[in-house]
Amino acid sequence: VHTDPWRVLRIQAEFVEGFGALAEVPRAVTVFGSART
């Protein structure tokens, strides 16, 4: 479960989950800044 081929599936799953969750998000802006503020 810690080998590179298995990690590829985890990476694929992250893309699928991210695309699925955000696909219908309207226009958006990403804002970055310090976690220490």
PDB file of all heavy atoms in Angstrom:
ATOM      1  N   VAL A   1       0.824  -1.216   0.000  1.00  0.00           N
ATOM      2  CA  VAL A   1       0.000   0.000   0.000  1.00  0.00           C
ATOM      3  C   VAL A   1       0.857   1.265   0.000  1.00  0.00           C
ATOM      4  O   VAL A   1       0.346   2.362  -0.198  1.00  0.00           O
ATOM      5  CB  VAL A   1      -0.965   0.029   1.201  1.00  0.00           C
ATOM      6  CG1 VAL A   1      -1.937  -1.113   1.153  1.00  0.00           C
ATOM      7  CG2 VAL A   1      -0.211   0.045   2.524  1.00  0.00           C
ATOM      8  N   HIS A   2       2.159   1.121   0.230  1.00  0.00           N
ATOM      9  CA  HIS A   2       3.053   2.279   0.226  1.00  0.00           C
ATOM     10  C   HIS A   2       3.953   2.309  -1.004  1.00  0.00           C
ATOM     11  O   HIS A   2       4.881   3.109  -1.075  1.00  0.00           O
ATOM     12  CB  HIS A   2       3.911   2.274   1.484  1.00  0.00           C
ATOM     13  CG  HIS A   2       3.108   2.280   2.754  1.00  0.00           C
ATOM     14  ND1 HIS A   2       2.302   3.326   3.112  1.00  0.00           N
ATOM     15  CD2 HIS A   2       2.972   1.343   3.730  1.00  0.00           C
ATOM     16  CE1 HIS A   2       1.706   3.064   4.261  1.00  0.00           C
ATOM     17  NE2 HIS A   2       2.092   1.864   4.653  1.00  0.00           N
ATOM     18  N   THR A   3       3.689   1.444  -1.961  1.00  0.00           N
ATOM     19  CA  THR A   3       4.511   1.407  -3.168  1.00  0.00           C
ATOM     20  C   THR A   3       4.049   2.475  -4.157  1.00  0.00           C
ATOM     21  O   THR A   3       2.910   2.955  -4.105  1.00  0.00           O
ATOM     22  CB  THR A   3       4.441   0.033  -3.846  1.00  0.00           C
ATOM     23  OG1 THR A   3       3.083  -0.220  -4.248  1.00  0.00           O
ATOM     24  CG2 THR A   3       4.914  -1.075  -2.894  1.00  0.00           C
ATOM     25  N   ASP A   4       4.924   2.839  -5.090  1.00  0.00           N
ATOM     26  CA  ASP A   4       4.592   3.892  -6.050  1.00  0.00           C
ATOM     27  C   ASP A   4       3.370   3.580  -6.911  1.00  0.00           C
ATOM     28  O   ASP A   4       2.546   4.472  -7.143  1.00  0.00           O
ATOM     29  CB  ASP A   4       5.805   4.195  -6.928  1.00  0.00           C
ATOM     30  CG  ASP A   4       6.869   4.990  -6.173  1.00  0.00           C
ATOM     31  OD1 ASP A   4       6.545   5.543  -5.098  1.00  0.00           O
ATOM     32  OD2 ASP A   4       8.007   5.062  -6.650  1.00  0.00           O
ATOM     33  N   PRO A   5       3.220   2.325  -7.424  1.00  0.00           N
ATOM     34  CA  PRO A   5       2.009   2.058  -8.220  1.00  0.00           C
ATOM     35  C   PRO A   5       0.729   2.289  -7.423  1.00  0.00           C
ATOM     36  O   PRO A   5      -0.262   2.803  -7.965  1.00  0.00           O
ATOM     37  CB  PRO A   5       2.171   0.590  -8.624  1.00  0.00           C
ATOM     38  CG  PRO A   5       3.645   0.379  -8.651  1.00  0.00           C
ATOM     39  CD  PRO A   5       4.166   1.200  -7.500  1.00  0.00           C
ATOM     40  N   TRP A   6       0.724   1.938  -6.133  1.00  0.00           N
ATOM     41  CA  TRP A   6      -0.475   2.164  -5.326  1.00  0.00           C
ATOM     42  C   TRP A   6      -0.689   3.660  -5.090  1.00  0.00           C
ATOM     43  O   TRP A   6      -1.813   4.147  -5.066  1.00  0.00           O
ATOM     44  CB  TRP A   6      -0.354   1.417  -3.998  1.00  0.00           C
ATOM     45  CG  TRP A   6      -1.559   1.582  -3.133  1.00  0.00           C
ATOM     46  CD1 TRP A   6      -1.662   2.292  -1.988  1.00  0.00           C
ATOM     47  CD2 TRP A   6      -2.870   1.031  -3.360  1.00  0.00           C
ATOM     48  NE1 TRP A   6      -2.936   2.231  -1.471  1.00  0.00           N
ATOM     49  CE2 TRP A   6      -3.697   1.465  -2.294  1.00  0.00           C
ATOM     50  CE3 TRP A   6      -3.423   0.228  -4.357  1.00  0.00           C
ATOM     51  CZ2 TRP A   6      -5.041   1.100  -2.208  1.00  0.00           C
ATOM     52  CZ3 TRP A   6      -4.761  -0.118  -4.261  1.00  0.00           C
ATOM     53  CH2 TRP A   6      -5.546   0.302  -3.198  1.00  0.00           C
ATOM     54  N   ARG A   7       0.402   4.394  -4.919  1.00  0.00           N
ATOM     55  CA  ARG A   7       0.285   5.849  -4.747  1.00  0.00           C
ATOM     56  C   ARG A   7      -0.367   6.491  -5.964  1.00  0.00           C
ATOM     57  O   ARG A   7      -1.090   7.485  -5.853  1.00  0.00           O
ATOM     58  CB  ARG A   7       1.659   6.464  -4.507  1.00  0.00           C
ATOM     59  CG  ARG A   7       2.223   6.167  -3.126  1.00  0.00           C
ATOM     60  CD  ARG A   7       3.453   7.028  -2.840  1.00  0.00           C
ATOM     61  NE  ARG A   7       4.013   6.728  -1.547  1.00  0.00           N
ATOM     62  CZ  ARG A   7       5.090   5.974  -1.346  1.00  0.00           C
ATOM     63  NH1 ARG A   7       5.723   5.461  -2.390  1.00  0.00           N
ATOM     64  NH2 ARG A   7       5.542   5.745  -0.132  1.00  0.00           N
ATOM     65  N   VAL A   8      -0.092   5.952  -7.137  1.00  0.00           N
ATOM     66  CA  VAL A   8      -0.718   6.488  -8.351  1.00  0.00           C
ATOM     67  C   VAL A   8      -2.235   6.423  -8.233  1.00  0.00           C
ATOM     68  O   VAL A   8      -2.945   7.363  -8.623  1.00  0.00           O
ATOM     69  CB  VAL A   8      -0.238   5.718  -9.594  1.00  0.00           C
ATOM     70  CG1 VAL A   8      -1.071   6.096 -10.815  1.00  0.00           C
ATOM     71  CG2 VAL A   8       1.234   6.013  -9.870  1.00  0.00           C
ATOM     72  N   LEU A   9      -2.750   5.335  -7.679  1.00  0.00           N
ATOM     73  CA  LEU A   9      -4.205   5.208  -7.504  1.00  0.00           C
ATOM     74  C   LEU A   9      -4.716   6.218  -6.490  1.00  0.00           C
ATOM     75  O   LEU A   9      -5.806   6.766  -6.645  1.00  0.00           O
ATOM     76  CB  LEU A   9      -4.562   3.781  -7.075  1.00  0.00           C
ATOM     77  CG  LEU A   9      -4.242   2.695  -8.100  1.00  0.00           C
ATOM     78  CD1 LEU A   9      -4.628   1.329  -7.557  1.00  0.00           C
ATOM     79  CD2 LEU A   9      -4.972   2.956  -9.407  1.00  0.00           C
ATOM     80  N   ARG A  10      -3.949   6.442  -5.436  1.00  0.00           N
ATOM     81  CA  ARG A  10      -4.347   7.456  -4.456  1.00  0.00           C
ATOM     82  C   ARG A  10      -4.368   8.844  -5.093  1.00  0.00           C
ATOM     83  O   ARG A  10      -5.263   9.649  -4.836  1.00  0.00           O
ATOM     84  CB  ARG A  10      -3.381   7.448  -3.268  1.00  0.00           C
ATOM     85  CG  ARG A  10      -3.617   6.315  -2.294  1.00  0.00           C
ATOM     86  CD  ARG A  10      -2.667   6.424  -1.121  1.00  0.00           C
ATOM     87  NE  ARG A  10      -3.036   5.491  -0.077  1.00  0.00           N
ATOM     88  CZ  ARG A  10      -2.279   5.222   0.984  1.00  0.00           C
ATOM     89  NH1 ARG A  10      -1.108   5.829   1.114  1.00  0.00           N
ATOM     90  NH2 ARG A  10      -2.678   4.378   1.911  1.00  0.00           N
ATOM     91  N   ILE A  11      -3.352   9.126  -5.889  1.00  0.00           N
ATOM     92  CA  ILE A  11      -3.296  10.410  -6.577  1.00  0.00           C
ATOM     93  C   ILE A  11      -4.495  10.554  -7.516  1.00  0.00           C
ATOM     94  O   ILE A  11      -5.156  11.601  -7.571  1.00  0.00           O
ATOM     95  CB  ILE A  11      -1.970  10.543  -7.356  1.00  0.00           C
ATOM     96  CG1 ILE A  11      -0.796  10.635  -6.379  1.00  0.00           C
ATOM     97  CG2 ILE A  11      -2.000  11.754  -8.280  1.00  0.00           C
ATOM     98  CD1 ILE A  11       0.562  10.411  -7.022  1.00  0.00           C
ATOM     99  N   GLN A  12      -4.778   9.490  -8.247  1.00  0.00           N
ATOM    100  CA  GLN A  12      -5.933   9.501  -9.149  1.00  0.00           C
ATOM    101  C   GLN A  12      -7.210   9.756  -8.373  1.00  0.00           C
ATOM    102  O   GLN A  12      -8.063  10.549  -8.791  1.00  0.00           O
ATOM    103  CB  GLN A  12      -6.024   8.165  -9.883  1.00  0.00           C
ATOM    104  CG  GLN A  12      -7.237   8.040 -10.791  1.00  0.00           C
ATOM    105  CD  GLN A  12      -7.265   6.687 -11.489  1.00  0.00           C
ATOM    106  OE1 GLN A  12      -6.324   6.308 -12.153  1.00  0.00           O
ATOM    107  NE2 GLN A  12      -8.346   5.951 -11.305  1.00  0.00           N
ATOM    108  N   ALA A  13      -7.342   9.092  -7.213  1.00  0.00           N
ATOM    109  CA  ALA A  13      -8.536   9.272  -6.392  1.00  0.00           C
ATOM    110  C   ALA A  13      -8.658  10.717  -5.906  1.00  0.00           C
ATOM    111  O   ALA A  13      -9.761  11.269  -5.849  1.00  0.00           O
ATOM    112  CB  ALA A  13      -8.497   8.322  -5.197  1.00  0.00           C
ATOM    113  N   GLU A  14      -7.529  11.352  -5.578  1.00  0.00           N
ATOM    114  CA  GLU A  14      -7.573  12.746  -5.141  1.00  0.00           C
ATOM    115  C   GLU A  14      -8.053  13.663  -6.261  1.00  0.00           C
ATOM    116  O   GLU A  14      -8.839  14.583  -6.032  1.00  0.00           O
ATOM    117  CB  GLU A  14      -6.198  13.207  -4.645  1.00  0.00           C
ATOM    118  CG  GLU A  14      -5.837  12.642  -3.295  1.00  0.00           C
ATOM    119  CD  GLU A  14      -4.846  13.501  -2.530  1.00  0.00           C
ATOM    120  OE1 GLU A  14      -4.251  14.421  -3.119  1.00  0.00           O
ATOM    121  OE2 GLU A  14      -4.678  13.255  -1.334  1.00  0.00           O
ATOM    122  N   PHE A  15      -7.571  13.420  -7.472  1.00  0.00           N
ATOM    123  CA  PHE A  15      -8.042  14.213  -8.595  1.00  0.00           C
ATOM    124  C   PHE A  15      -9.539  14.011  -8.811  1.00  0.00           C
ATOM    125  O   PHE A  15     -10.293  14.974  -9.029  1.00  0.00           O
ATOM    126  CB  PHE A  15      -7.274  13.857  -9.867  1.00  0.00           C
ATOM    127  CG  PHE A  15      -5.949  14.559 -10.002  1.00  0.00           C
ATOM    128  CD1 PHE A  15      -4.765  13.856  -9.954  1.00  0.00           C
ATOM    129  CD2 PHE A  15      -5.895  15.934 -10.179  1.00  0.00           C
ATOM    130  CE1 PHE A  15      -3.541  14.498 -10.073  1.00  0.00           C
ATOM    131  CE2 PHE A  15      -4.681  16.594 -10.303  1.00  0.00           C
ATOM    132  CZ  PHE A  15      -3.493  15.872 -10.247  1.00  0.00           C
ATOM    133  N   VAL A  16      -9.993  12.753  -8.759  1.00  0.00           N
ATOM    134  CA  VAL A  16     -11.412  12.469  -8.973  1.00  0.00           C
ATOM    135  C   VAL A  16     -12.264  13.163  -7.906  1.00  0.00           C
ATOM    136  O   VAL A  16     -13.285  13.791  -8.213  1.00  0.00           O
ATOM    137  CB  VAL A  16     -11.661  10.952  -8.966  1.00  0.00           C
ATOM    138  CG1 VAL A  16     -13.153  10.638  -8.948  1.00  0.00           C
ATOM    139  CG2 VAL A  16     -11.013  10.301 -10.186  1.00  0.00           C
ATOM    140  N   GLU A  17     -11.848  13.050  -6.631  1.00  0.00           N
ATOM    141  CA  GLU A  17     -12.604  13.682  -5.551  1.00  0.00           C
ATOM    142  C   GLU A  17     -12.608  15.207  -5.710  1.00  0.00           C
ATOM    143  O   GLU A  17     -13.645  15.855  -5.531  1.00  0.00           O
ATOM    144  CB  GLU A  17     -11.997  13.306  -4.196  1.00  0.00           C
ATOM    145  CG  GLU A  17     -12.227  11.865  -3.781  1.00  0.00           C
ATOM    146  CD  GLU A  17     -13.692  11.556  -3.534  1.00  0.00           C
ATOM    147  OE1 GLU A  17     -14.456  12.478  -3.171  1.00  0.00           O
ATOM    148  OE2 GLU A  17     -14.090  10.388  -3.714  1.00  0.00           O
ATOM    149  N   GLY A  18     -11.450  15.768  -6.030  1.00  0.00           N
ATOM    150  CA  GLY A  18     -11.372  17.220  -6.188  1.00  0.00           C
ATOM    151  C   GLY A  18     -12.215  17.726  -7.339  1.00  0.00           C
ATOM    152  O   GLY A  18     -12.980  18.679  -7.195  1.00  0.00           O
ATOM    153  N   PHE A  19     -12.093  17.069  -8.498  1.00  0.00           N
ATOM    154  CA  PHE A  19     -12.892  17.468  -9.655  1.00  0.00           C
ATOM    155  C   PHE A  19     -14.379  17.320  -9.368  1.00  0.00           C
ATOM    156  O   PHE A  19     -15.187  18.176  -9.739  1.00  0.00           O
ATOM    157  CB  PHE A  19     -12.511  16.637 -10.881  1.00  0.00           C
ATOM    158  CG  PHE A  19     -11.129  16.912 -11.408  1.00  0.00           C
ATOM    159  CD1 PHE A  19     -10.450  15.938 -12.125  1.00  0.00           C
ATOM    160  CD2 PHE A  19     -10.507  18.125 -11.202  1.00  0.00           C
ATOM    161  CE1 PHE A  19      -9.171  16.177 -12.620  1.00  0.00           C
ATOM    162  CE2 PHE A  19      -9.230  18.376 -11.682  1.00  0.00           C
ATOM    163  CZ  PHE A  19      -8.567  17.394 -12.402  1.00  0.00           C
ATOM    164  N   GLY A  20     -14.740  16.220  -8.706  1.00  0.00           N
ATOM    165  CA  GLY A  20     -16.149  15.991  -8.403  1.00  0.00           C
ATOM    166  C   GLY A  20     -16.722  17.016  -7.450  1.00  0.00           C
ATOM    167  O   GLY A  20     -17.847  17.509  -7.624  1.00  0.00           O
ATOM    168  N   ALA A  21     -15.945  17.390  -6.435  1.00  0.00           N
ATOM    169  CA  ALA A  21     -16.431  18.338  -5.432  1.00  0.00           C
ATOM    170  C   ALA A  21     -16.512  19.758  -5.963  1.00  0.00           C
ATOM    171  O   ALA A  21     -17.376  20.540  -5.547  1.00  0.00           O
ATOM    172  CB  ALA A  21     -15.524  18.299  -4.204  1.00  0.00           C
ATOM    173  N   LEU A  22     -15.616  20.112  -6.894  1.00  0.00           N
ATOM    174  CA  LEU A  22     -15.495  21.505  -7.315  1.00  0.00           C
ATOM    175  C   LEU A  22     -16.041  21.786  -8.710  1.00  0.00           C
ATOM    176  O   LEU A  22     -16.054  22.939  -9.148  1.00  0.00           O
ATOM    177  CB  LEU A  22     -14.026  21.924  -7.269  1.00  0.00           C
ATOM    178  CG  LEU A  22     -13.344  21.765  -5.900  1.00  0.00           C
ATOM    179  CD1 LEU A  22     -11.840  22.039  -6.026  1.00  0.00           C
ATOM    180  CD2 LEU A  22     -13.959  22.690  -4.870  1.00  0.00           C
ATOM    181  N   ALA A  23     -16.504  20.750  -9.401  1.00  0.00           N
ATOM    182  CA  ALA A  23     -16.904  20.905 -10.806  1.00  0.00           C
ATOM    183  C   ALA A  23     -17.987  21.961 -10.997  1.00  0.00           C
ATOM    184  O   ALA A  23     -18.012  22.657 -12.019  1.00  0.00           O
ATOM    185  CB  ALA A  23     -17.369  19.571 -11.374  1.00  0.00           C
ATOM    186  N   GLU A  24     -18.891  22.116 -10.041  1.00  0.00           N
ATOM    187  CA  GLU A  24     -19.998  23.052 -10.205  1.00  0.00           C
ATOM    188  C   GLU A  24     -19.795  24.352  -9.434  1.00  0.00           C
ATOM    189  O   GLU A  24     -20.733  25.126  -9.252  1.00  0.00           O
ATOM    190  CB  GLU A  24     -21.300  22.374  -9.784  1.00  0.00           C
ATOM    191  CG  GLU A  24     -21.646  21.181 -10.673  1.00  0.00           C
ATOM    192  CD  GLU A  24     -22.958  20.530 -10.300  1.00  0.00           C
ATOM    193  OE1 GLU A  24     -23.604  20.998  -9.341  1.00  0.00           O
ATOM    194  OE2 GLU A  24     -23.342  19.549 -10.963  1.00  0.00           O
ATOM    195  N   VAL A  25     -18.556  24.584  -8.977  1.00  0.00           N
ATOM    196  CA  VAL A  25     -18.261  25.841  -8.302  1.00  0.00           C
ATOM    197  C   VAL A  25     -18.388  26.984  -9.302  1.00  0.00           C
ATOM    198  O   VAL A  25     -17.897  26.893 -10.428  1.00  0.00           O
ATOM    199  CB  VAL A  25     -16.832  25.782  -7.703  1.00  0.00           C
ATOM    200  CG1 VAL A  25     -16.357  27.177  -7.297  1.00  0.00           C
ATOM    201  CG2 VAL A  25     -16.803  24.852  -6.504  1.00  0.00           C
ATOM    202  N   PRO A  26     -19.061  28.074  -8.921  1.00  0.00           N
ATOM    203  CA  PRO A  26     -19.149  29.228  -9.843  1.00  0.00           C
ATOM    204  C   PRO A  26     -17.794  29.910  -9.956  1.00  0.00           C
ATOM    205  O   PRO A  26     -16.786  29.429  -9.446  1.00  0.00           O
ATOM    206  CB  PRO A  26     -20.173  30.124  -9.143  1.00  0.00           C
ATOM    207  CG  PRO A  26     -20.032  29.790  -7.691  1.00  0.00           C
ATOM    208  CD  PRO A  26     -19.718  28.319  -7.633  1.00  0.00           C
ATOM    209  N   ARG A  27     -17.759  31.049 -10.627  1.00  0.00           N
ATOM    210  CA  ARG A  27     -16.497  31.772 -10.755  1.00  0.00           C
ATOM    211  C   ARG A  27     -15.900  32.010  -9.362  1.00  0.00           C
ATOM    212  O   ARG A  27     -16.630  32.280  -8.397  1.00  0.00           O
ATOM    213  CB  ARG A  27     -16.710  33.087 -11.489  1.00  0.00           C
ATOM    214  CG  ARG A  27     -17.717  34.022 -10.839  1.00  0.00           C
ATOM    215  CD  ARG A  27     -17.944  35.238 -11.703  1.00  0.00           C
ATOM    216  NE  ARG A  27     -18.832  36.206 -11.050  1.00  0.00           N
ATOM    217  CZ  ARG A  27     -18.993  37.454 -11.459  1.00  0.00           C
ATOM    218  NH1 ARG A  27     -18.328  37.888 -12.516  1.00  0.00           N
ATOM    219  NH2 ARG A  27     -19.803  38.262 -10.829  1.00  0.00           N
ATOM    220  N   ALA A  28     -14.580  31.900  -9.274  1.00  0.00           N
ATOM    221  CA  ALA A  28     -13.943  31.909  -7.961  1.00  0.00           C
ATOM    222  C   ALA A  28     -12.569  32.568  -8.029  1.00  0.00           C
ATOM    223  O   ALA A  28     -11.969  32.699  -9.100  1.00  0.00           O
ATOM    224  CB  ALA A  28     -13.812  30.488  -7.436  1.00  0.00           C
ATOM    225  N   VAL A  29     -12.077  32.969  -6.860  1.00  0.00           N
ATOM    226  CA  VAL A  29     -10.744  33.537  -6.715  1.00  0.00           C
ATOM    227  C   VAL A  29     -10.041  32.800  -5.587  1.00  0.00           C
ATOM    228  O   VAL A  29     -10.629  32.569  -4.526  1.00  0.00           O
ATOM    229  CB  VAL A  29     -10.806  35.044  -6.393  1.00  0.00           C
ATOM    230  CG1 VAL A  29      -9.407  35.603  -6.119  1.00  0.00           C
ATOM    231  CG2 VAL A  29     -11.471  35.805  -7.527  1.00  0.00           C
ATOM    232  N   THR A  30      -8.803  32.408  -5.827  1.00  0.00           N
ATOM    233  CA  THR A  30      -8.007  31.775  -4.778  1.00  0.00           C
ATOM    234  C   THR A  30      -7.204  32.838  -4.061  1.00  0.00           C
ATOM    235  O   THR A  30      -6.523  33.649  -4.693  1.00  0.00           O
ATOM    236  CB  THR A  30      -7.070  30.715  -5.372  1.00  0.00           C
ATOM    237  OG1 THR A  30      -7.859  29.669  -5.964  1.00  0.00           O
ATOM    238  CG2 THR A  30      -6.201  30.103  -4.285  1.00  0.00           C
ATOM    239  N   VAL A  31      -7.293  32.823  -2.730  1.00  0.00           N
ATOM    240  CA  VAL A  31      -6.580  33.798  -1.905  1.00  0.00           C
ATOM    241  C   VAL A  31      -5.610  33.047  -0.997  1.00  0.00           C
ATOM    242  O   VAL A  31      -6.001  32.125  -0.282  1.00  0.00           O
ATOM    243  CB  VAL A  31      -7.552  34.630  -1.045  1.00  0.00           C
ATOM    244  CG1 VAL A  31      -6.786  35.739  -0.324  1.00  0.00           C
ATOM    245  CG2 VAL A  31      -8.655  35.244  -1.913  1.00  0.00           C
ATOM    246  N   PHE A  32      -4.351  33.460  -1.046  1.00  0.00           N
ATOM    247  CA  PHE A  32      -3.322  32.858  -0.206  1.00  0.00           C
ATOM    248  C   PHE A  32      -2.901  33.828   0.887  1.00  0.00           C
ATOM    249  O   PHE A  32      -3.048  35.038   0.759  1.00  0.00           O
ATOM    250  CB  PHE A  32      -2.094  32.486  -1.041  1.00  0.00           C
ATOM    251  CG  PHE A  32      -2.377  31.468  -2.100  1.00  0.00           C
ATOM    252  CD1 PHE A  32      -2.459  31.836  -3.429  1.00  0.00           C
ATOM    253  CD2 PHE A  32      -2.576  30.142  -1.760  1.00  0.00           C
ATOM    254  CE1 PHE A  32      -2.733  30.904  -4.411  1.00  0.00           C
ATOM    255  CE2 PHE A  32      -2.847  29.205  -2.737  1.00  0.00           C
ATOM    256  CZ  PHE A  32      -2.922  29.581  -4.053  1.00  0.00           C
ATOM    257  N   GLY A  33      -2.347  33.281   1.950  1.00  0.00           N
ATOM    258  CA  GLY A  33      -1.841  34.112   3.031  1.00  0.00           C
ATOM    259  C   GLY A  33      -1.359  33.234   4.166  1.00  0.00           C
ATOM    260  O   GLY A  33      -1.591  32.026   4.193  1.00  0.00           O
ATOM    261  N   SER A  34      -0.723  33.848   5.116  1.00  0.00           N
ATOM    262  CA  SER A  34      -0.056  33.110   6.184  1.00  0.00           C
ATOM    263  C   SER A  34      -1.033  32.433   7.144  1.00  0.00           C
ATOM    264  O   SER A  34      -2.008  33.043   7.588  1.00  0.00           O
ATOM    265  CB  SER A  34       0.845  34.050   6.976  1.00  0.00           C
ATOM    266  OG  SER A  34       1.427  33.377   8.065  1.00  0.00           O
ATOM    267  N   ALA A  35      -0.715  31.190   7.490  1.00  0.00           N
ATOM    268  CA  ALA A  35      -1.463  30.483   8.526  1.00  0.00           C
ATOM    269  C   ALA A  35      -1.161  31.058   9.908  1.00  0.00           C
ATOM    270  O   ALA A  35      -1.869  30.780  10.870  1.00  0.00           O
ATOM    271  CB  ALA A  35      -1.119  28.994   8.492  1.00  0.00           C
ATOM    272  N   ARG A  36      -0.105  31.863  10.013  1.00  0.00           N
ATOM    273  CA  ARG A  36       0.342  32.378  11.312  1.00  0.00           C
ATOM    274  C   ARG A  36      -0.248  33.741  11.653  1.00  0.00           C
ATOM    275  O   ARG A  36       0.054  34.304  12.707  1.00  0.00           O
ATOM    276  CB  ARG A  36       1.873  32.452  11.327  1.00  0.00           C
ATOM    277  CG  ARG A  36       2.529  31.121  11.024  1.00  0.00           C
ATOM    278  CD  ARG A  36       4.034  31.194  11.096  1.00  0.00           C
ATOM    279  NE  ARG A  36       4.647  29.941  10.658  1.00  0.00           N
ATOM    280  CZ  ARG A  36       5.934  29.646  10.781  1.00  0.00           C
ATOM    281  NH1 ARG A  36       6.759  30.527  11.324  1.00  0.00           N
ATOM    282  NH2 ARG A  36       6.403  28.488  10.349  1.00  0.00           N
ATOM    283  N   THR A  37      -1.074  34.285  10.780  1.00  0.00           N
ATOM    284  CA  THR A  37      -1.696  35.578  11.056  1.00  0.00           C
ATOM    285  C   THR A  37      -2.677  35.445  12.218  1.00  0.00           C
ATOM    286  O   THR A  37      -3.593  34.624  12.166  1.00  0.00           O
ATOM    287  CB  THR A  37      -2.437  36.099   9.808  1.00  0.00           C
ATOM    288  OG1 THR A  37      -1.512  36.188   8.716  1.00  0.00           O
ATOM    289  CG2 THR A  37      -3.043  37.464  10.065  1.00  0.00           C
TER     290      THR A  37
END
